[in-house]
Amino acid sequence: MIGRKYYIIFFLVWYCLILVLSVIPDNSPDTIEIINYEWRLDYPKHLIVFLPLGFSLVRIKPESNTLFIFIGLIVGALPEMIQYFIPYRTFNPLDVASNILGLLAGMGLYFFIKRKVKI
């Protein structure tokens, strides 16, 4: 079984990586065309990147759900709030929603796995 301190280390390293990536210029394409419709790629990317954070956050101390949901809201919003002050980046409230949705999905994944397997 992986100890609590490893989840804390993972959370901090992963979050620092997210913060660094959120301040560098992003020139990747934001849309992909499927069946004559352009789909935005950044929202699923945000959700996928924040999912492990939600899993590790709740794994640190699973009995403090309310506290971790509050922390998750701050963790999900902070990268976008930082982008507001960077001239070549833009603040997008839908990115914040995708970040928070990813965190909540990670938390939900933890509880789903916990019910099925003893972790």
N, C-alpha and C. Protein backbone atom coordinates (compact mmCIF):
# COMPACT_ATOMS: atom_id res chain seq x y z
N MET A 1 0.84 -1.19 0.00
CA MET A 1 0.00 0.00 0.00
C MET A 1 0.89 1.25 0.00
N ILE A 2 0.53 2.20 -0.85
CA ILE A 2 1.30 3.43 -0.96
C ILE A 2 0.95 4.33 0.22
N GLY A 3 1.99 4.85 0.88
CA GLY A 3 1.79 5.69 2.05
C GLY A 3 1.28 7.07 1.71
N ARG A 4 0.73 7.71 2.72
CA ARG A 4 0.14 9.03 2.59
C ARG A 4 1.15 10.06 2.10
N LYS A 5 2.40 9.96 2.57
CA LYS A 5 3.40 10.96 2.19
C LYS A 5 3.68 10.92 0.69
N TYR A 6 3.57 9.76 0.06
CA TYR A 6 3.79 9.67 -1.38
C TYR A 6 2.67 10.35 -2.16
N TYR A 7 1.46 10.28 -1.65
CA TYR A 7 0.36 11.00 -2.29
C TYR A 7 0.53 12.51 -2.14
N ILE A 8 1.04 12.94 -1.00
CA ILE A 8 1.31 14.37 -0.79
C ILE A 8 2.39 14.84 -1.76
N ILE A 9 3.46 14.07 -1.88
CA ILE A 9 4.55 14.42 -2.80
C ILE A 9 4.04 14.44 -4.23
N PHE A 10 3.28 13.42 -4.62
CA PHE A 10 2.74 13.38 -5.98
C PHE A 10 1.86 14.59 -6.24
N PHE A 11 0.98 14.89 -5.29
CA PHE A 11 0.07 16.03 -5.44
C PHE A 11 0.85 17.31 -5.65
N LEU A 12 1.86 17.57 -4.82
CA LEU A 12 2.62 18.81 -4.90
C LEU A 12 3.42 18.90 -6.20
N VAL A 13 4.07 17.81 -6.60
CA VAL A 13 4.86 17.82 -7.83
C VAL A 13 3.95 18.00 -9.04
N TRP A 14 2.84 17.27 -9.08
CA TRP A 14 1.91 17.36 -10.21
C TRP A 14 1.32 18.77 -10.29
N TYR A 15 0.95 19.35 -9.16
CA TYR A 15 0.35 20.67 -9.16
C TYR A 15 1.37 21.73 -9.57
N CYS A 16 2.60 21.61 -9.12
CA CYS A 16 3.64 22.55 -9.55
C CYS A 16 3.85 22.46 -11.06
N LEU A 17 3.81 21.27 -11.60
CA LEU A 17 3.91 21.09 -13.05
C LEU A 17 2.76 21.79 -13.77
N ILE A 18 1.56 21.64 -13.24
CA ILE A 18 0.40 22.31 -13.83
C ILE A 18 0.58 23.83 -13.79
N LEU A 19 1.05 24.35 -12.65
CA LEU A 19 1.24 25.80 -12.54
C LEU A 19 2.28 26.30 -13.54
N VAL A 20 3.37 25.56 -13.71
CA VAL A 20 4.40 25.95 -14.68
C VAL A 20 3.83 25.92 -16.09
N LEU A 21 3.11 24.85 -16.43
CA LEU A 21 2.55 24.74 -17.77
C LEU A 21 1.47 25.80 -18.04
N SER A 22 0.83 26.28 -16.99
CA SER A 22 -0.23 27.27 -17.19
C SER A 22 0.31 28.67 -17.44
N VAL A 23 1.59 28.90 -17.23
CA VAL A 23 2.14 30.24 -17.47
C VAL A 23 2.99 30.32 -18.74
N ILE A 24 3.35 29.19 -19.33
CA ILE A 24 4.12 29.25 -20.57
C ILE A 24 3.18 29.38 -21.76
N PRO A 25 3.64 29.98 -22.86
CA PRO A 25 2.77 30.13 -24.03
C PRO A 25 2.33 28.76 -24.57
N ASP A 26 1.09 28.69 -25.00
CA ASP A 26 0.53 27.45 -25.55
C ASP A 26 0.16 27.69 -27.00
N ASN A 27 0.88 27.03 -27.90
CA ASN A 27 0.61 27.20 -29.32
C ASN A 27 -0.02 25.96 -29.93
N SER A 28 -0.50 25.05 -29.09
CA SER A 28 -1.11 23.83 -29.62
C SER A 28 -2.49 24.15 -30.17
N PRO A 29 -2.94 23.37 -31.15
CA PRO A 29 -4.28 23.62 -31.69
C PRO A 29 -5.35 23.36 -30.63
N ASP A 30 -6.33 24.24 -30.59
CA ASP A 30 -7.38 24.14 -29.58
C ASP A 30 -8.62 23.41 -30.07
N THR A 31 -8.68 23.12 -31.36
CA THR A 31 -9.86 22.45 -31.89
C THR A 31 -9.45 21.32 -32.82
N ILE A 32 -10.37 20.40 -32.99
CA ILE A 32 -10.20 19.31 -33.94
C ILE A 32 -11.54 19.15 -34.66
N GLU A 33 -11.49 18.89 -35.94
CA GLU A 33 -12.73 18.75 -36.70
C GLU A 33 -13.11 17.28 -36.78
N ILE A 34 -14.31 16.98 -36.33
CA ILE A 34 -14.86 15.62 -36.40
C ILE A 34 -16.28 15.74 -36.95
N ILE A 35 -16.52 15.05 -38.02
CA ILE A 35 -17.84 15.03 -38.67
C ILE A 35 -18.34 16.47 -38.91
N ASN A 36 -17.51 17.25 -39.58
CA ASN A 36 -17.84 18.62 -39.97
C ASN A 36 -18.20 19.53 -38.79
N TYR A 37 -17.66 19.25 -37.62
CA TYR A 37 -17.88 20.10 -36.46
C TYR A 37 -16.56 20.27 -35.73
N GLU A 38 -16.24 21.48 -35.33
CA GLU A 38 -15.00 21.73 -34.60
C GLU A 38 -15.23 21.55 -33.10
N TRP A 39 -14.45 20.67 -32.50
CA TRP A 39 -14.53 20.37 -31.07
C TRP A 39 -13.35 21.01 -30.36
N ARG A 40 -13.61 21.68 -29.27
CA ARG A 40 -12.52 22.27 -28.47
C ARG A 40 -11.83 21.17 -27.69
N LEU A 41 -10.50 21.19 -27.71
CA LEU A 41 -9.71 20.15 -27.03
C LEU A 41 -9.27 20.57 -25.64
N ASP A 42 -9.28 21.86 -25.34
CA ASP A 42 -8.70 22.27 -24.08
C ASP A 42 -9.53 21.84 -22.86
N TYR A 43 -10.83 21.74 -22.99
CA TYR A 43 -11.63 21.34 -21.83
C TYR A 43 -11.38 19.89 -21.42
N PRO A 44 -11.37 18.93 -22.36
CA PRO A 44 -11.01 17.56 -21.95
C PRO A 44 -9.59 17.46 -21.43
N LYS A 45 -8.66 18.27 -21.99
CA LYS A 45 -7.28 18.25 -21.49
C LYS A 45 -7.23 18.70 -20.03
N HIS A 46 -7.96 19.75 -19.70
CA HIS A 46 -8.00 20.23 -18.31
C HIS A 46 -8.56 19.15 -17.39
N LEU A 47 -9.65 18.54 -17.80
CA LEU A 47 -10.28 17.50 -16.99
C LEU A 47 -9.31 16.34 -16.73
N ILE A 48 -8.63 15.88 -17.78
CA ILE A 48 -7.71 14.74 -17.66
C ILE A 48 -6.51 15.09 -16.78
N VAL A 49 -5.99 16.31 -16.93
CA VAL A 49 -4.81 16.71 -16.15
C VAL A 49 -5.14 16.84 -14.67
N PHE A 50 -6.34 17.29 -14.34
CA PHE A 50 -6.70 17.49 -12.94
C PHE A 50 -7.27 16.24 -12.27
N LEU A 51 -7.63 15.23 -13.02
CA LEU A 51 -8.19 14.01 -12.45
C LEU A 51 -7.24 13.34 -11.44
N PRO A 52 -5.94 13.17 -11.76
CA PRO A 52 -5.05 12.56 -10.77
C PRO A 52 -4.90 13.40 -9.50
N LEU A 53 -5.04 14.72 -9.64
CA LEU A 53 -4.97 15.57 -8.45
C LEU A 53 -6.13 15.29 -7.51
N GLY A 54 -7.32 15.15 -8.06
CA GLY A 54 -8.48 14.85 -7.22
C GLY A 54 -8.33 13.51 -6.52
N PHE A 55 -7.83 12.51 -7.25
CA PHE A 55 -7.62 11.19 -6.67
C PHE A 55 -6.62 11.26 -5.52
N SER A 56 -5.48 11.91 -5.77
CA SER A 56 -4.43 11.96 -4.74
C SER A 56 -4.84 12.85 -3.57
N LEU A 57 -5.59 13.92 -3.86
CA LEU A 57 -6.01 14.82 -2.79
C LEU A 57 -6.90 14.11 -1.78
N VAL A 58 -7.87 13.38 -2.26
CA VAL A 58 -8.78 12.69 -1.34
C VAL A 58 -8.08 11.48 -0.70
N ARG A 59 -7.08 10.93 -1.37
CA ARG A 59 -6.34 9.78 -0.83
C ARG A 59 -5.46 10.18 0.35
N ILE A 60 -5.11 11.45 0.41
CA ILE A 60 -4.26 11.93 1.51
C ILE A 60 -4.96 11.73 2.85
N LYS A 61 -6.22 12.10 2.92
CA LYS A 61 -6.99 11.93 4.16
C LYS A 61 -8.46 11.83 3.78
N PRO A 62 -8.93 10.63 3.41
CA PRO A 62 -10.27 10.48 2.84
C PRO A 62 -11.43 10.89 3.74
N GLU A 63 -11.24 10.96 5.04
CA GLU A 63 -12.37 11.30 5.91
C GLU A 63 -12.65 12.80 5.97
N SER A 64 -11.83 13.62 5.32
CA SER A 64 -12.02 15.07 5.32
C SER A 64 -12.56 15.55 3.98
N ASN A 65 -13.66 14.98 3.51
CA ASN A 65 -14.19 15.28 2.18
C ASN A 65 -14.52 16.74 1.97
N THR A 66 -15.19 17.37 2.91
CA THR A 66 -15.60 18.75 2.75
C THR A 66 -14.38 19.67 2.64
N LEU A 67 -13.39 19.46 3.46
CA LEU A 67 -12.17 20.26 3.41
C LEU A 67 -11.49 20.09 2.06
N PHE A 68 -11.43 18.86 1.55
CA PHE A 68 -10.74 18.63 0.29
C PHE A 68 -11.52 19.14 -0.91
N ILE A 69 -12.82 19.18 -0.81
CA ILE A 69 -13.59 19.80 -1.90
C ILE A 69 -13.30 21.30 -1.93
N PHE A 70 -13.22 21.93 -0.76
CA PHE A 70 -12.88 23.36 -0.69
C PHE A 70 -11.47 23.60 -1.23
N ILE A 71 -10.51 22.77 -0.82
CA ILE A 71 -9.14 22.88 -1.33
C ILE A 71 -9.14 22.65 -2.84
N GLY A 72 -9.93 21.69 -3.31
CA GLY A 72 -10.02 21.41 -4.74
C GLY A 72 -10.53 22.60 -5.53
N LEU A 73 -11.49 23.33 -4.98
CA LEU A 73 -11.99 24.53 -5.66
C LEU A 73 -10.89 25.56 -5.83
N ILE A 74 -10.09 25.75 -4.80
CA ILE A 74 -8.98 26.70 -4.88
C ILE A 74 -7.91 26.21 -5.85
N VAL A 75 -7.57 24.93 -5.74
CA VAL A 75 -6.55 24.34 -6.61
C VAL A 75 -6.99 24.40 -8.07
N GLY A 76 -8.25 24.21 -8.34
CA GLY A 76 -8.75 24.25 -9.71
C GLY A 76 -8.82 25.65 -10.29
N ALA A 77 -9.06 26.64 -9.45
CA ALA A 77 -9.20 28.01 -9.93
C ALA A 77 -7.87 28.76 -10.02
N LEU A 78 -6.90 28.41 -9.19
CA LEU A 78 -5.66 29.18 -9.11
C LEU A 78 -4.90 29.27 -10.44
N PRO A 79 -4.70 28.19 -11.19
CA PRO A 79 -3.96 28.35 -12.46
C PRO A 79 -4.62 29.34 -13.42
N GLU A 80 -5.93 29.33 -13.46
CA GLU A 80 -6.62 30.27 -14.36
C GLU A 80 -6.54 31.69 -13.83
N MET A 81 -6.59 31.87 -12.52
CA MET A 81 -6.47 33.22 -11.96
C MET A 81 -5.08 33.78 -12.22
N ILE A 82 -4.06 32.94 -12.18
CA ILE A 82 -2.70 33.38 -12.51
C ILE A 82 -2.64 33.83 -13.96
N GLN A 83 -3.31 33.11 -14.85
CA GLN A 83 -3.30 33.46 -16.27
C GLN A 83 -3.93 34.83 -16.53
N TYR A 84 -4.81 35.25 -15.68
CA TYR A 84 -5.44 36.56 -15.83
C TYR A 84 -4.39 37.69 -15.86
N PHE A 85 -3.31 37.50 -15.11
CA PHE A 85 -2.28 38.54 -14.98
C PHE A 85 -1.13 38.38 -15.98
N ILE A 86 -1.17 37.36 -16.81
CA ILE A 86 -0.11 37.13 -17.79
C ILE A 86 -0.60 37.61 -19.15
N PRO A 87 0.15 38.52 -19.79
CA PRO A 87 -0.35 39.15 -21.02
C PRO A 87 -0.64 38.17 -22.16
N TYR A 88 0.14 37.13 -22.32
CA TYR A 88 -0.04 36.22 -23.45
C TYR A 88 -0.95 35.04 -23.12
N ARG A 89 -1.56 35.03 -21.96
CA ARG A 89 -2.52 33.98 -21.58
C ARG A 89 -3.86 34.64 -21.30
N THR A 90 -4.93 33.85 -21.32
CA THR A 90 -6.26 34.40 -21.06
C THR A 90 -6.97 33.58 -19.98
N PHE A 91 -7.72 34.28 -19.18
CA PHE A 91 -8.55 33.65 -18.15
C PHE A 91 -9.82 33.15 -18.81
N ASN A 92 -10.19 31.91 -18.52
CA ASN A 92 -11.41 31.34 -19.08
C ASN A 92 -12.17 30.62 -17.97
N PRO A 93 -13.36 31.09 -17.61
CA PRO A 93 -14.11 30.44 -16.54
C PRO A 93 -14.49 28.99 -16.86
N LEU A 94 -14.62 28.66 -18.15
CA LEU A 94 -14.91 27.26 -18.49
C LEU A 94 -13.71 26.36 -18.24
N ASP A 95 -12.50 26.91 -18.32
CA ASP A 95 -11.32 26.14 -17.93
C ASP A 95 -11.34 25.85 -16.44
N VAL A 96 -11.74 26.83 -15.65
CA VAL A 96 -11.87 26.62 -14.20
C VAL A 96 -12.87 25.50 -13.93
N ALA A 97 -14.01 25.54 -14.63
CA ALA A 97 -15.02 24.50 -14.46
C ALA A 97 -14.47 23.14 -14.86
N SER A 98 -13.70 23.07 -15.94
CA SER A 98 -13.10 21.80 -16.36
C SER A 98 -12.09 21.29 -15.34
N ASN A 99 -11.30 22.22 -14.78
CA ASN A 99 -10.33 21.84 -13.74
C ASN A 99 -11.05 21.24 -12.54
N ILE A 100 -12.08 21.92 -12.08
CA ILE A 100 -12.82 21.47 -10.90
C ILE A 100 -13.55 20.17 -11.20
N LEU A 101 -14.10 20.05 -12.38
CA LEU A 101 -14.76 18.80 -12.77
C LEU A 101 -13.76 17.64 -12.77
N GLY A 102 -12.55 17.89 -13.25
CA GLY A 102 -11.50 16.87 -13.22
C GLY A 102 -11.15 16.47 -11.80
N LEU A 103 -11.03 17.45 -10.91
CA LEU A 103 -10.76 17.15 -9.50
C LEU A 103 -11.88 16.31 -8.89
N LEU A 104 -13.12 16.71 -9.13
CA LEU A 104 -14.25 15.96 -8.59
C LEU A 104 -14.33 14.56 -9.19
N ALA A 105 -14.01 14.43 -10.47
CA ALA A 105 -13.99 13.10 -11.10
C ALA A 105 -12.91 12.23 -10.47
N GLY A 106 -11.76 12.82 -10.17
CA GLY A 106 -10.70 12.06 -9.50
C GLY A 106 -11.11 11.62 -8.11
N MET A 107 -11.80 12.50 -7.39
CA MET A 107 -12.30 12.12 -6.06
C MET A 107 -13.34 11.01 -6.18
N GLY A 108 -14.24 11.15 -7.14
CA GLY A 108 -15.24 10.11 -7.36
C GLY A 108 -14.62 8.79 -7.75
N LEU A 109 -13.58 8.84 -8.58
CA LEU A 109 -12.86 7.62 -8.98
C LEU A 109 -12.26 6.93 -7.76
N TYR A 110 -11.70 7.72 -6.85
CA TYR A 110 -11.14 7.14 -5.63
C TYR A 110 -12.21 6.37 -4.85
N PHE A 111 -13.36 7.00 -4.63
CA PHE A 111 -14.41 6.35 -3.84
C PHE A 111 -15.01 5.16 -4.58
N PHE A 112 -15.08 5.21 -5.91
CA PHE A 112 -15.55 4.08 -6.69
C PHE A 112 -14.59 2.90 -6.54
N ILE A 113 -13.30 3.16 -6.67
CA ILE A 113 -12.30 2.09 -6.53
C ILE A 113 -12.28 1.57 -5.10
N LYS A 114 -12.43 2.47 -4.13
CA LYS A 114 -12.42 2.07 -2.72
C LYS A 114 -13.55 1.09 -2.42
N ARG A 115 -14.71 1.31 -3.06
CA ARG A 115 -15.84 0.39 -2.85
C ARG A 115 -15.55 -0.98 -3.44
N LYS A 116 -14.83 -1.00 -4.58
CA LYS A 116 -14.59 -2.26 -5.28
C LYS A 116 -13.37 -3.00 -4.76
N VAL A 117 -12.34 -2.24 -4.36
CA VAL A 117 -11.07 -2.82 -3.93
C VAL A 117 -10.66 -2.15 -2.64
N LYS A 118 -10.08 -2.88 -1.73
CA LYS A 118 -9.63 -2.27 -0.47
C LYS A 118 -8.33 -1.53 -0.70
N ILE A 119 -8.41 -0.16 -0.70
CA ILE A 119 -7.21 0.65 -0.85
C ILE A 119 -7.02 1.55 0.34
